[in-house]
Amino acid sequence: MPTFVIVGAGIMVIAIVLLVIGLSRNPAGQDLVEDRIGGEDKSRKKKKKKKEGRGESVIGAAVDRAVEGQGFAQDLATQLARANLKWTVGEFLTMCVTIALGAAVIFYLLNRAFLIPVGLLGGFLLPRLYIGIQRRRRLKEFDSQLGDALNLMVNSLRAGYSTMQAMESISNEMPPPLAEEFGRVVLELQLGVDFDTAMANLLRRVPSADMDLIVTAMSVQREVGGNLAEVLDSISETIRERVRIKGEIRTMTSQGRITGILVTSLPFILTGIISLLNPDYIGMLIEDACGWIMIGVSFLMIGLGYFAMNKIVSIEV
């Protein structure tokens, strides 16, 4: 076995071990509050990380320091928060590199060298795809629970509760993820964070159009006054009707969505099966310039087809 393969496998094992150690720690409640609030002074956060860095992944911490302040790192941190994943940016990037290198080494050991680029690309794309799936799933659950939460909040306000007490009752009575997000808002308010800032943090974690409407109504009520219970009651009725219509549309378009997924994934599945059964046959695609042109055209046509089918079944309410 070549030396560089052994060295690469050793580096991969070490990275996996360090990554598991870093991700297996249970973040303290105060750490989560600081991560979610996002308003603490940077110098103070740095000092605190140095003091409490005993359980942090060494590689993840080094990557965090390297990408600190970068635009893509801030965007990735926002996506991780929206997916409710307790990873730092450094840990996530370390995991992507580890998966990519691991897949490349596995394909090399299986004598499928032409699949190494696929493994490297998949190692970086699949974790981002997982984040997107988790983010959309969590946002969908949040929107589906929002109507019931508003009913609870309206009843609490009519019973004489304050806005903060009504949000606290939501965090105690409703299931996650809505209870988690309102619980974080209550915790931020108890720590002295401004109401508008706490709500802006909520919208950063959960970019829901319905929640944005609720936050706007609450902010206006705090400035000009009025009966907040009646305003939220009318918004709740609108949200419940929108959720019902979305459910009916999703049911009617389910066949088109499944067809789009199958048609898009079928070429990749067949390519993988053929490459395992007859690598010489599929290897002709990457050994000739015409093959690369065919691959490029295929990716373009598959992407256009998926985009077109997705547009057909995506109906805004």
C-alpha atoms as a PDB file:
ATOM      1  CA  MET A   1       0.000   0.000   0.000  1.00  0.00           C
ATOM      2  CA  PRO A   2       1.485   3.431  -0.903  1.00  0.00           C
ATOM      3  CA  THR A   3       2.813   5.543   1.930  1.00  0.00           C
ATOM      4  CA  PHE A   4       0.565   8.528   1.216  1.00  0.00           C
ATOM      5  CA  VAL A   5      -2.519   6.302   1.561  1.00  0.00           C
ATOM      6  CA  ILE A   6      -1.382   5.145   4.992  1.00  0.00           C
ATOM      7  CA  VAL A   7      -0.596   8.711   6.051  1.00  0.00           C
ATOM      8  CA  GLY A   8      -3.957   9.933   4.737  1.00  0.00           C
ATOM      9  CA  ALA A   9      -5.825   7.175   6.562  1.00  0.00           C
ATOM     10  CA  GLY A  10      -3.955   7.998   9.783  1.00  0.00           C
ATOM     11  CA  ILE A  11      -4.782  11.691   9.506  1.00  0.00           C
ATOM     12  CA  MET A  12      -8.408  10.830   8.852  1.00  0.00           C
ATOM     13  CA  VAL A  13      -8.613   8.578  11.940  1.00  0.00           C
ATOM     14  CA  ILE A  14      -7.011  11.253  14.143  1.00  0.00           C
ATOM     15  CA  ALA A  15      -9.394  13.898  12.790  1.00  0.00           C
ATOM     16  CA  ILE A  16     -12.413  11.674  13.418  1.00  0.00           C
ATOM     17  CA  VAL A  17     -11.293  10.961  17.004  1.00  0.00           C
ATOM     18  CA  LEU A  18     -10.750  14.651  17.761  1.00  0.00           C
ATOM     19  CA  LEU A  19     -14.022  15.557  16.100  1.00  0.00           C
ATOM     20  CA  VAL A  20     -15.976  12.976  18.111  1.00  0.00           C
ATOM     21  CA  ILE A  21     -14.399  14.264  21.330  1.00  0.00           C
ATOM     22  CA  GLY A  22     -15.329  17.812  20.428  1.00  0.00           C
ATOM     23  CA  LEU A  23     -18.892  17.041  19.372  1.00  0.00           C
ATOM     24  CA  SER A  24     -19.635  14.663  22.237  1.00  0.00           C
ATOM     25  CA  ARG A  25     -19.432  17.367  24.872  1.00  0.00           C
ATOM     26  CA  ASN A  26     -22.708  18.708  26.217  1.00  0.00           C
ATOM     27  CA  PRO A  27     -22.727  22.505  25.876  1.00  0.00           C
ATOM     28  CA  ALA A  28     -23.614  24.270  29.095  1.00  0.00           C
ATOM     29  CA  GLY A  29     -26.789  26.298  29.257  1.00  0.00           C
ATOM     30  CA  GLN A  30     -24.905  29.572  29.587  1.00  0.00           C
ATOM     31  CA  ASP A  31     -22.867  28.751  26.478  1.00  0.00           C
ATOM     32  CA  LEU A  32     -26.035  28.155  24.492  1.00  0.00           C
ATOM     33  CA  VAL A  33     -27.511  31.425  25.716  1.00  0.00           C
ATOM     34  CA  GLU A  34     -24.399  33.319  24.589  1.00  0.00           C
ATOM     35  CA  ASP A  35     -24.411  31.588  21.205  1.00  0.00           C
ATOM     36  CA  ARG A  36     -28.073  32.340  20.587  1.00  0.00           C
ATOM     37  CA  ILE A  37     -28.089  35.905  21.882  1.00  0.00           C
ATOM     38  CA  GLY A  38     -25.130  36.883  19.734  1.00  0.00           C
ATOM     39  CA  GLY A  39     -24.868  40.255  21.428  1.00  0.00           C
ATOM     40  CA  GLU A  40     -22.043  39.653  23.890  1.00  0.00           C
ATOM     41  CA  ASP A  41     -18.845  41.605  23.488  1.00  0.00           C
ATOM     42  CA  LYS A  42     -16.368  39.759  21.275  1.00  0.00           C
ATOM     43  CA  SER A  43     -13.401  40.277  23.546  1.00  0.00           C
ATOM     44  CA  ARG A  44     -15.337  38.913  26.480  1.00  0.00           C
ATOM     45  CA  LYS A  45     -16.366  35.877  24.465  1.00  0.00           C
ATOM     46  CA  LYS A  46     -12.776  35.215  23.473  1.00  0.00           C
ATOM     47  CA  LYS A  47     -11.632  35.338  27.097  1.00  0.00           C
ATOM     48  CA  LYS A  48     -14.432  33.049  28.140  1.00  0.00           C
ATOM     49  CA  LYS A  49     -13.582  30.548  25.413  1.00  0.00           C
ATOM     50  CA  LYS A  50      -9.988  30.445  26.614  1.00  0.00           C
ATOM     51  CA  LYS A  51     -11.130  29.737  30.146  1.00  0.00           C
ATOM     52  CA  GLU A  52     -13.745  27.149  29.225  1.00  0.00           C
ATOM     53  CA  GLY A  53     -12.022  25.584  26.236  1.00  0.00           C
ATOM     54  CA  ARG A  54     -11.131  22.418  28.093  1.00  0.00           C
ATOM     55  CA  GLY A  55     -13.827  20.369  26.305  1.00  0.00           C
ATOM     56  CA  GLU A  56     -13.587  21.977  22.890  1.00  0.00           C
ATOM     57  CA  SER A  57     -12.268  20.216  19.813  1.00  0.00           C
ATOM     58  CA  VAL A  58      -8.682  21.300  19.137  1.00  0.00           C
ATOM     59  CA  ILE A  59      -9.073  21.219  15.368  1.00  0.00           C
ATOM     60  CA  GLY A  60     -12.490  22.864  15.513  1.00  0.00           C
ATOM     61  CA  ALA A  61     -11.166  25.693  17.702  1.00  0.00           C
ATOM     62  CA  ALA A  62      -8.237  26.268  15.343  1.00  0.00           C
ATOM     63  CA  VAL A  63     -10.557  26.430  12.331  1.00  0.00           C
ATOM     64  CA  ASP A  64     -12.882  28.786  14.223  1.00  0.00           C
ATOM     65  CA  ARG A  65     -10.007  31.177  14.833  1.00  0.00           C
ATOM     66  CA  ALA A  66      -8.922  30.932  11.189  1.00  0.00           C
ATOM     67  CA  VAL A  67     -12.354  31.764   9.717  1.00  0.00           C
ATOM     68  CA  GLU A  68     -13.454  34.249  12.371  1.00  0.00           C
ATOM     69  CA  GLY A  69     -14.941  37.358  10.817  1.00  0.00           C
ATOM     70  CA  GLN A  70     -15.326  35.836   7.353  1.00  0.00           C
ATOM     71  CA  GLY A  71     -18.638  36.334   5.587  1.00  0.00           C
ATOM     72  CA  PHE A  72     -19.143  32.664   4.726  1.00  0.00           C
ATOM     73  CA  ALA A  73     -18.454  31.687   8.348  1.00  0.00           C
ATOM     74  CA  GLN A  74     -21.148  34.041   9.635  1.00  0.00           C
ATOM     75  CA  ASP A  75     -23.615  32.726   7.060  1.00  0.00           C
ATOM     76  CA  LEU A  76     -22.764  29.132   7.992  1.00  0.00           C
ATOM     77  CA  ALA A  77     -23.215  29.917  11.700  1.00  0.00           C
ATOM     78  CA  THR A  78     -26.668  31.318  10.913  1.00  0.00           C
ATOM     79  CA  GLN A  79     -27.603  28.187   8.951  1.00  0.00           C
ATOM     80  CA  LEU A  80     -26.424  25.956  11.825  1.00  0.00           C
ATOM     81  CA  ALA A  81     -28.523  27.980  14.266  1.00  0.00           C
ATOM     82  CA  ARG A  82     -31.588  27.705  12.021  1.00  0.00           C
ATOM     83  CA  ALA A  83     -31.108  23.934  11.819  1.00  0.00           C
ATOM     84  CA  ASN A  84     -30.678  23.830  15.640  1.00  0.00           C
ATOM     85  CA  LEU A  85     -27.358  21.991  15.319  1.00  0.00           C
ATOM     86  CA  LYS A  86     -24.999  22.477  18.260  1.00  0.00           C
ATOM     87  CA  TRP A  87     -21.866  22.615  16.090  1.00  0.00           C
ATOM     88  CA  THR A  88     -19.459  25.458  15.691  1.00  0.00           C
ATOM     89  CA  VAL A  89     -18.356  26.544  12.235  1.00  0.00           C
ATOM     90  CA  GLY A  90     -14.924  25.016  12.814  1.00  0.00           C
ATOM     91  CA  GLU A  91     -16.385  21.672  13.856  1.00  0.00           C
ATOM     92  CA  PHE A  92     -18.661  21.597  10.841  1.00  0.00           C
ATOM     93  CA  LEU A  93     -15.851  22.404   8.398  1.00  0.00           C
ATOM     94  CA  THR A  94     -13.633  19.793  10.061  1.00  0.00           C
ATOM     95  CA  MET A  95     -16.397  17.232   9.646  1.00  0.00           C
ATOM     96  CA  CYS A  96     -16.779  18.111   5.951  1.00  0.00           C
ATOM     97  CA  VAL A  97     -13.047  17.694   5.318  1.00  0.00           C
ATOM     98  CA  THR A  98     -13.005  14.417   7.250  1.00  0.00           C
ATOM     99  CA  ILE A  99     -15.912  12.981   5.268  1.00  0.00           C
ATOM    100  CA  ALA A 100     -14.386  14.097   1.969  1.00  0.00           C
ATOM    101  CA  LEU A 101     -10.963  12.587   2.745  1.00  0.00           C
ATOM    102  CA  GLY A 102     -12.535   9.419   4.104  1.00  0.00           C
ATOM    103  CA  ALA A 103     -14.632   8.910   0.987  1.00  0.00           C
ATOM    104  CA  ALA A 104     -11.612   9.543  -1.251  1.00  0.00           C
ATOM    105  CA  VAL A 105      -9.485   7.010   0.631  1.00  0.00           C
ATOM    106  CA  ILE A 106     -12.278   4.416   0.534  1.00  0.00           C
ATOM    107  CA  PHE A 107     -12.728   4.794  -3.225  1.00  0.00           C
ATOM    108  CA  TYR A 108      -8.961   4.522  -3.699  1.00  0.00           C
ATOM    109  CA  LEU A 109      -8.761   1.343  -1.629  1.00  0.00           C
ATOM    110  CA  LEU A 110     -11.672  -0.095  -3.638  1.00  0.00           C
ATOM    111  CA  ASN A 111      -9.714   0.604  -6.835  1.00  0.00           C
ATOM    112  CA  ARG A 112     -12.277   3.164  -7.979  1.00  0.00           C
ATOM    113  CA  ALA A 113      -9.923   6.104  -8.470  1.00  0.00           C
ATOM    114  CA  PHE A 114     -12.250   7.826 -10.942  1.00  0.00           C
ATOM    115  CA  LEU A 115     -14.803   8.211  -8.110  1.00  0.00           C
ATOM    116  CA  ILE A 116     -12.387  10.114  -5.855  1.00  0.00           C
ATOM    117  CA  PRO A 117     -13.563  13.540  -7.145  1.00  0.00           C
ATOM    118  CA  VAL A 118     -17.138  12.450  -6.466  1.00  0.00           C
ATOM    119  CA  GLY A 119     -16.198  11.507  -2.903  1.00  0.00           C
ATOM    120  CA  LEU A 120     -14.432  14.814  -2.326  1.00  0.00           C
ATOM    121  CA  LEU A 121     -17.347  16.789  -3.740  1.00  0.00           C
ATOM    122  CA  GLY A 122     -19.890  14.757  -1.799  1.00  0.00           C
ATOM    123  CA  GLY A 123     -17.990  15.266   1.443  1.00  0.00           C
ATOM    124  CA  PHE A 124     -18.472  19.010   1.147  1.00  0.00           C
ATOM    125  CA  LEU A 125     -21.982  19.039  -0.333  1.00  0.00           C
ATOM    126  CA  LEU A 126     -23.783  16.340   1.663  1.00  0.00           C
ATOM    127  CA  PRO A 127     -23.353  18.039   5.088  1.00  0.00           C
ATOM    128  CA  ARG A 128     -24.686  21.295   3.631  1.00  0.00           C
ATOM    129  CA  LEU A 129     -27.591  19.349   2.155  1.00  0.00           C
ATOM    130  CA  TYR A 130     -28.255  17.845   5.604  1.00  0.00           C
ATOM    131  CA  ILE A 131     -28.291  21.335   7.149  1.00  0.00           C
ATOM    132  CA  GLY A 132     -30.765  22.511   4.512  1.00  0.00           C
ATOM    133  CA  ILE A 133     -33.070  19.552   5.136  1.00  0.00           C
ATOM    134  CA  GLN A 134     -32.978  20.061   8.917  1.00  0.00           C
ATOM    135  CA  ARG A 135     -33.567  23.801   8.537  1.00  0.00           C
ATOM    136  CA  ARG A 136     -36.581  23.371   6.248  1.00  0.00           C
ATOM    137  CA  ARG A 137     -38.041  20.605   8.433  1.00  0.00           C
ATOM    138  CA  ARG A 138     -37.682  22.680  11.577  1.00  0.00           C
ATOM    139  CA  LEU A 139     -39.179  25.759   9.926  1.00  0.00           C
ATOM    140  CA  LYS A 140     -42.133  23.706   8.698  1.00  0.00           C
ATOM    141  CA  GLU A 141     -42.771  22.317  12.199  1.00  0.00           C
ATOM    142  CA  PHE A 142     -42.480  25.803  13.657  1.00  0.00           C
ATOM    143  CA  ASP A 143     -45.024  27.245  11.214  1.00  0.00           C
ATOM    144  CA  SER A 144     -47.444  24.365  11.807  1.00  0.00           C
ATOM    145  CA  GLN A 145     -47.376  24.986  15.588  1.00  0.00           C
ATOM    146  CA  LEU A 146     -47.616  28.757  15.375  1.00  0.00           C
ATOM    147  CA  GLY A 147     -51.431  28.911  15.115  1.00  0.00           C
ATOM    148  CA  ASP A 148     -51.955  26.919  18.328  1.00  0.00           C
ATOM    149  CA  ALA A 149     -49.262  28.935  20.079  1.00  0.00           C
ATOM    150  CA  LEU A 150     -51.023  32.173  19.145  1.00  0.00           C
ATOM    151  CA  ASN A 151     -54.302  30.846  20.558  1.00  0.00           C
ATOM    152  CA  LEU A 152     -52.530  30.072  23.807  1.00  0.00           C
ATOM    153  CA  MET A 153     -50.911  33.503  23.842  1.00  0.00           C
ATOM    154  CA  VAL A 154     -54.217  35.275  23.137  1.00  0.00           C
ATOM    155  CA  ASN A 155     -55.958  33.383  25.951  1.00  0.00           C
ATOM    156  CA  SER A 156     -53.097  34.186  28.311  1.00  0.00           C
ATOM    157  CA  LEU A 157     -53.256  37.892  27.477  1.00  0.00           C
ATOM    158  CA  ARG A 158     -57.017  37.956  27.977  1.00  0.00           C
ATOM    159  CA  ALA A 159     -56.520  36.251  31.346  1.00  0.00           C
ATOM    160  CA  GLY A 160     -54.338  39.151  32.457  1.00  0.00           C
ATOM    161  CA  TYR A 161     -50.850  37.817  31.699  1.00  0.00           C
ATOM    162  CA  SER A 162     -48.122  40.106  30.470  1.00  0.00           C
ATOM    163  CA  THR A 163     -46.524  39.529  27.066  1.00  0.00           C
ATOM    164  CA  MET A 164     -43.482  37.905  28.656  1.00  0.00           C
ATOM    165  CA  GLN A 165     -45.624  35.654  30.846  1.00  0.00           C
ATOM    166  CA  ALA A 166     -47.672  34.648  27.793  1.00  0.00           C
ATOM    167  CA  MET A 167     -44.496  33.718  25.896  1.00  0.00           C
ATOM    168  CA  GLU A 168     -43.287  31.783  28.933  1.00  0.00           C
ATOM    169  CA  SER A 169     -46.525  29.793  28.972  1.00  0.00           C
ATOM    170  CA  ILE A 170     -45.914  28.939  25.301  1.00  0.00           C
ATOM    171  CA  SER A 171     -42.417  27.693  26.131  1.00  0.00           C
ATOM    172  CA  ASN A 172     -43.874  25.483  28.887  1.00  0.00           C
ATOM    173  CA  GLU A 173     -46.956  24.144  27.119  1.00  0.00           C
ATOM    174  CA  MET A 174     -46.043  23.835  23.441  1.00  0.00           C
ATOM    175  CA  PRO A 175     -43.814  21.117  21.911  1.00  0.00           C
ATOM    176  CA  PRO A 176     -40.446  21.832  20.271  1.00  0.00           C
ATOM    177  CA  PRO A 177     -39.206  23.532  18.172  1.00  0.00           C
ATOM    178  CA  LEU A 178     -41.601  26.374  18.983  1.00  0.00           C
ATOM    179  CA  ALA A 179     -41.221  25.900  22.741  1.00  0.00           C
ATOM    180  CA  GLU A 180     -37.426  25.981  22.422  1.00  0.00           C
ATOM    181  CA  GLU A 181     -37.394  29.247  20.486  1.00  0.00           C
ATOM    182  CA  PHE A 182     -39.845  31.050  22.763  1.00  0.00           C
ATOM    183  CA  GLY A 183     -37.946  29.707  25.750  1.00  0.00           C
ATOM    184  CA  ARG A 184     -34.780  31.299  24.396  1.00  0.00           C
ATOM    185  CA  VAL A 185     -36.629  34.592  23.896  1.00  0.00           C
ATOM    186  CA  VAL A 186     -37.860  34.522  27.510  1.00  0.00           C
ATOM    187  CA  LEU A 187     -34.369  33.691  28.739  1.00  0.00           C
ATOM    188  CA  GLU A 188     -32.868  36.566  26.763  1.00  0.00           C
ATOM    189  CA  LEU A 189     -35.462  38.982  28.170  1.00  0.00           C
ATOM    190  CA  GLN A 190     -34.737  37.781  31.698  1.00  0.00           C
ATOM    191  CA  LEU A 191     -31.041  38.457  31.100  1.00  0.00           C
ATOM    192  CA  GLY A 192     -31.819  42.058  30.180  1.00  0.00           C
ATOM    193  CA  VAL A 193     -31.811  41.906  26.391  1.00  0.00           C
ATOM    194  CA  ASP A 194     -34.007  44.484  24.676  1.00  0.00           C
ATOM    195  CA  PHE A 195     -37.360  43.181  23.402  1.00  0.00           C
ATOM    196  CA  ASP A 196     -36.727  44.182  19.792  1.00  0.00           C
ATOM    197  CA  THR A 197     -33.266  42.591  19.896  1.00  0.00           C
ATOM    198  CA  ALA A 198     -34.637  39.344  21.320  1.00  0.00           C
ATOM    199  CA  MET A 199     -37.277  39.208  18.617  1.00  0.00           C
ATOM    200  CA  ALA A 200     -34.707  39.980  15.923  1.00  0.00           C
ATOM    201  CA  ASN A 201     -32.637  37.056  17.205  1.00  0.00           C
ATOM    202  CA  LEU A 202     -35.729  34.859  17.018  1.00  0.00           C
ATOM    203  CA  LEU A 203     -36.313  35.827  13.388  1.00  0.00           C
ATOM    204  CA  ARG A 204     -32.628  35.192  12.636  1.00  0.00           C
ATOM    205  CA  ARG A 205     -32.961  31.646  13.943  1.00  0.00           C
ATOM    206  CA  VAL A 206     -36.422  31.049  12.453  1.00  0.00           C
ATOM    207  CA  PRO A 207     -36.965  33.058   9.231  1.00  0.00           C
ATOM    208  CA  SER A 208     -40.732  32.581   9.219  1.00  0.00           C
ATOM    209  CA  ALA A 209     -42.939  35.048   7.370  1.00  0.00           C
ATOM    210  CA  ASP A 210     -45.778  34.398   9.829  1.00  0.00           C
ATOM    211  CA  MET A 211     -43.497  35.012  12.800  1.00  0.00           C
ATOM    212  CA  ASP A 212     -42.271  38.205  11.176  1.00  0.00           C
ATOM    213  CA  LEU A 213     -45.873  39.407  10.984  1.00  0.00           C
ATOM    214  CA  ILE A 214     -46.397  38.596  14.659  1.00  0.00           C
ATOM    215  CA  VAL A 215     -43.211  40.360  15.721  1.00  0.00           C
ATOM    216  CA  THR A 216     -44.198  43.440  13.715  1.00  0.00           C
ATOM    217  CA  ALA A 217     -47.625  43.525  15.372  1.00  0.00           C
ATOM    218  CA  MET A 218     -46.105  43.185  18.845  1.00  0.00           C
ATOM    219  CA  SER A 219     -43.532  45.904  18.167  1.00  0.00           C
ATOM    220  CA  VAL A 220     -46.197  48.307  16.883  1.00  0.00           C
ATOM    221  CA  GLN A 221     -48.405  47.574  19.897  1.00  0.00           C
ATOM    222  CA  ARG A 222     -45.541  48.343  22.268  1.00  0.00           C
ATOM    223  CA  GLU A 223     -45.025  51.729  20.604  1.00  0.00           C
ATOM    224  CA  VAL A 224     -48.589  52.957  19.969  1.00  0.00           C
ATOM    225  CA  GLY A 225     -50.643  50.744  22.302  1.00  0.00           C
ATOM    226  CA  GLY A 226     -53.850  48.886  21.509  1.00  0.00           C
ATOM    227  CA  ASN A 227     -55.448  45.525  22.189  1.00  0.00           C
ATOM    228  CA  LEU A 228     -52.716  43.015  21.361  1.00  0.00           C
ATOM    229  CA  ALA A 229     -54.982  40.025  22.029  1.00  0.00           C
ATOM    230  CA  GLU A 230     -57.421  41.008  19.257  1.00  0.00           C
ATOM    231  CA  VAL A 231     -54.626  41.675  16.771  1.00  0.00           C
ATOM    232  CA  LEU A 232     -52.974  38.327  17.477  1.00  0.00           C
ATOM    233  CA  ASP A 233     -56.355  36.577  17.306  1.00  0.00           C
ATOM    234  CA  SER A 234     -56.938  37.837  13.746  1.00  0.00           C
ATOM    235  CA  ILE A 235     -53.375  36.906  12.774  1.00  0.00           C
ATOM    236  CA  SER A 236     -53.899  33.440  14.270  1.00  0.00           C
ATOM    237  CA  GLU A 237     -56.971  32.861  12.113  1.00  0.00           C
ATOM    238  CA  THR A 238     -55.035  33.899   9.012  1.00  0.00           C
ATOM    239  CA  ILE A 239     -52.127  31.614   9.863  1.00  0.00           C
ATOM    240  CA  ARG A 240     -54.366  28.600  10.520  1.00  0.00           C
ATOM    241  CA  GLU A 241     -56.117  29.090   7.188  1.00  0.00           C
ATOM    242  CA  ARG A 242     -52.778  29.420   5.400  1.00  0.00           C
ATOM    243  CA  VAL A 243     -51.486  26.209   7.015  1.00  0.00           C
ATOM    244  CA  ARG A 244     -54.641  24.375   5.921  1.00  0.00           C
ATOM    245  CA  ILE A 245     -54.315  25.576   2.336  1.00  0.00           C
ATOM    246  CA  LYS A 246     -50.621  24.682   2.255  1.00  0.00           C
ATOM    247  CA  GLY A 247     -51.447  21.157   3.421  1.00  0.00           C
ATOM    248  CA  GLU A 248     -54.026  20.709   0.652  1.00  0.00           C
ATOM    249  CA  ILE A 249     -51.607  22.040  -1.971  1.00  0.00           C
ATOM    250  CA  ARG A 250     -48.820  19.762  -0.741  1.00  0.00           C
ATOM    251  CA  THR A 251     -51.142  16.762  -0.982  1.00  0.00           C
ATOM    252  CA  MET A 252     -52.223  17.606  -4.522  1.00  0.00           C
ATOM    253  CA  THR A 253     -48.639  18.200  -5.719  1.00  0.00           C
ATOM    254  CA  SER A 254     -47.077  15.185  -3.986  1.00  0.00           C
ATOM    255  CA  GLN A 255     -46.997  13.108  -7.186  1.00  0.00           C
ATOM    256  CA  GLY A 256     -45.136  15.827  -9.080  1.00  0.00           C
ATOM    257  CA  ARG A 257     -42.591  16.263  -6.279  1.00  0.00           C
ATOM    258  CA  ILE A 258     -41.894  12.533  -6.016  1.00  0.00           C
ATOM    259  CA  THR A 259     -41.589  12.278  -9.798  1.00  0.00           C
ATOM    260  CA  GLY A 260     -39.066  15.125  -9.824  1.00  0.00           C
ATOM    261  CA  ILE A 261     -36.968  13.446  -7.119  1.00  0.00           C
ATOM    262  CA  LEU A 262     -36.982  10.076  -8.880  1.00  0.00           C
ATOM    263  CA  VAL A 263     -36.190  11.487 -12.309  1.00  0.00           C
ATOM    264  CA  THR A 264     -33.350  13.576 -10.890  1.00  0.00           C
ATOM    265  CA  SER A 265     -31.775  10.829  -8.785  1.00  0.00           C
ATOM    266  CA  LEU A 266     -32.147   7.978 -11.302  1.00  0.00           C
ATOM    267  CA  PRO A 267     -29.121   8.924 -13.492  1.00  0.00           C
ATOM    268  CA  PHE A 268     -26.835   9.112 -10.455  1.00  0.00           C
ATOM    269  CA  ILE A 269     -28.083   5.801  -9.095  1.00  0.00           C
ATOM    270  CA  LEU A 270     -27.584   4.046 -12.430  1.00  0.00           C
ATOM    271  CA  THR A 271     -24.118   5.587 -12.794  1.00  0.00           C
ATOM    272  CA  GLY A 272     -23.116   4.316  -9.365  1.00  0.00           C
ATOM    273  CA  ILE A 273     -24.414   0.797 -10.054  1.00  0.00           C
ATOM    274  CA  ILE A 274     -22.713   0.582 -13.453  1.00  0.00           C
ATOM    275  CA  SER A 275     -19.428   1.896 -12.031  1.00  0.00           C
ATOM    276  CA  LEU A 276     -19.436  -0.858  -9.433  1.00  0.00           C
ATOM    277  CA  LEU A 277     -20.392  -3.629 -11.861  1.00  0.00           C
ATOM    278  CA  ASN A 278     -18.330  -2.534 -14.862  1.00  0.00           C
ATOM    279  CA  PRO A 279     -15.865   0.273 -14.038  1.00  0.00           C
ATOM    280  CA  ASP A 280     -14.123   0.023 -17.416  1.00  0.00           C
ATOM    281  CA  TYR A 281     -17.367   0.775 -19.245  1.00  0.00           C
ATOM    282  CA  ILE A 282     -18.224   3.879 -17.206  1.00  0.00           C
ATOM    283  CA  GLY A 283     -14.564   4.912 -17.062  1.00  0.00           C
ATOM    284  CA  MET A 284     -14.649   5.814 -20.747  1.00  0.00           C
ATOM    285  CA  LEU A 285     -16.622   8.926 -19.826  1.00  0.00           C
ATOM    286  CA  ILE A 286     -13.701  10.450 -17.898  1.00  0.00           C
ATOM    287  CA  GLU A 287     -10.955   9.204 -20.199  1.00  0.00           C
ATOM    288  CA  ASP A 288     -12.139  11.113 -23.243  1.00  0.00           C
ATOM    289  CA  ALA A 289     -12.865  14.802 -23.765  1.00  0.00           C
ATOM    290  CA  CYS A 290     -16.190  13.958 -25.369  1.00  0.00           C
ATOM    291  CA  GLY A 291     -17.149  12.109 -22.193  1.00  0.00           C
ATOM    292  CA  TRP A 292     -16.564  15.209 -20.065  1.00  0.00           C
ATOM    293  CA  ILE A 293     -18.724  17.220 -22.450  1.00  0.00           C
ATOM    294  CA  MET A 294     -21.476  14.622 -22.132  1.00  0.00           C
ATOM    295  CA  ILE A 295     -21.213  14.745 -18.331  1.00  0.00           C
ATOM    296  CA  GLY A 296     -21.450  18.543 -18.340  1.00  0.00           C
ATOM    297  CA  VAL A 297     -24.475  18.543 -20.635  1.00  0.00           C
ATOM    298  CA  SER A 298     -26.108  15.829 -18.520  1.00  0.00           C
ATOM    299  CA  PHE A 299     -25.663  17.816 -15.312  1.00  0.00           C
ATOM    300  CA  LEU A 300     -27.048  20.906 -17.012  1.00  0.00           C
ATOM    301  CA  MET A 301     -30.122  19.111 -18.353  1.00  0.00           C
ATOM    302  CA  ILE A 302     -30.776  17.339 -15.027  1.00  0.00           C
ATOM    303  CA  GLY A 303     -30.506  20.630 -13.163  1.00  0.00           C
ATOM    304  CA  LEU A 304     -32.828  22.421 -15.565  1.00  0.00           C
ATOM    305  CA  GLY A 305     -35.368  19.588 -15.395  1.00  0.00           C
ATOM    306  CA  TYR A 306     -35.373  19.554 -11.597  1.00  0.00           C
ATOM    307  CA  PHE A 307     -35.662  23.338 -11.472  1.00  0.00           C
ATOM    308  CA  ALA A 308     -38.591  23.319 -13.893  1.00  0.00           C
ATOM    309  CA  MET A 309     -40.476  20.551 -12.065  1.00  0.00           C
ATOM    310  CA  ASN A 310     -39.823  22.216  -8.715  1.00  0.00           C
ATOM    311  CA  LYS A 311     -41.236  25.484 -10.027  1.00  0.00           C
ATOM    312  CA  ILE A 312     -44.364  23.737 -11.270  1.00  0.00           C
ATOM    313  CA  VAL A 313     -45.193  22.137  -7.901  1.00  0.00           C
ATOM    314  CA  SER A 314     -44.143  25.152  -5.774  1.00  0.00           C
ATOM    315  CA  ILE A 315     -47.222  27.273  -5.168  1.00  0.00           C
ATOM    316  CA  GLU A 316     -46.965  30.295  -2.903  1.00  0.00           C
ATOM    317  CA  VAL A 317     -49.831  30.935  -0.487  1.00  0.00           C
END
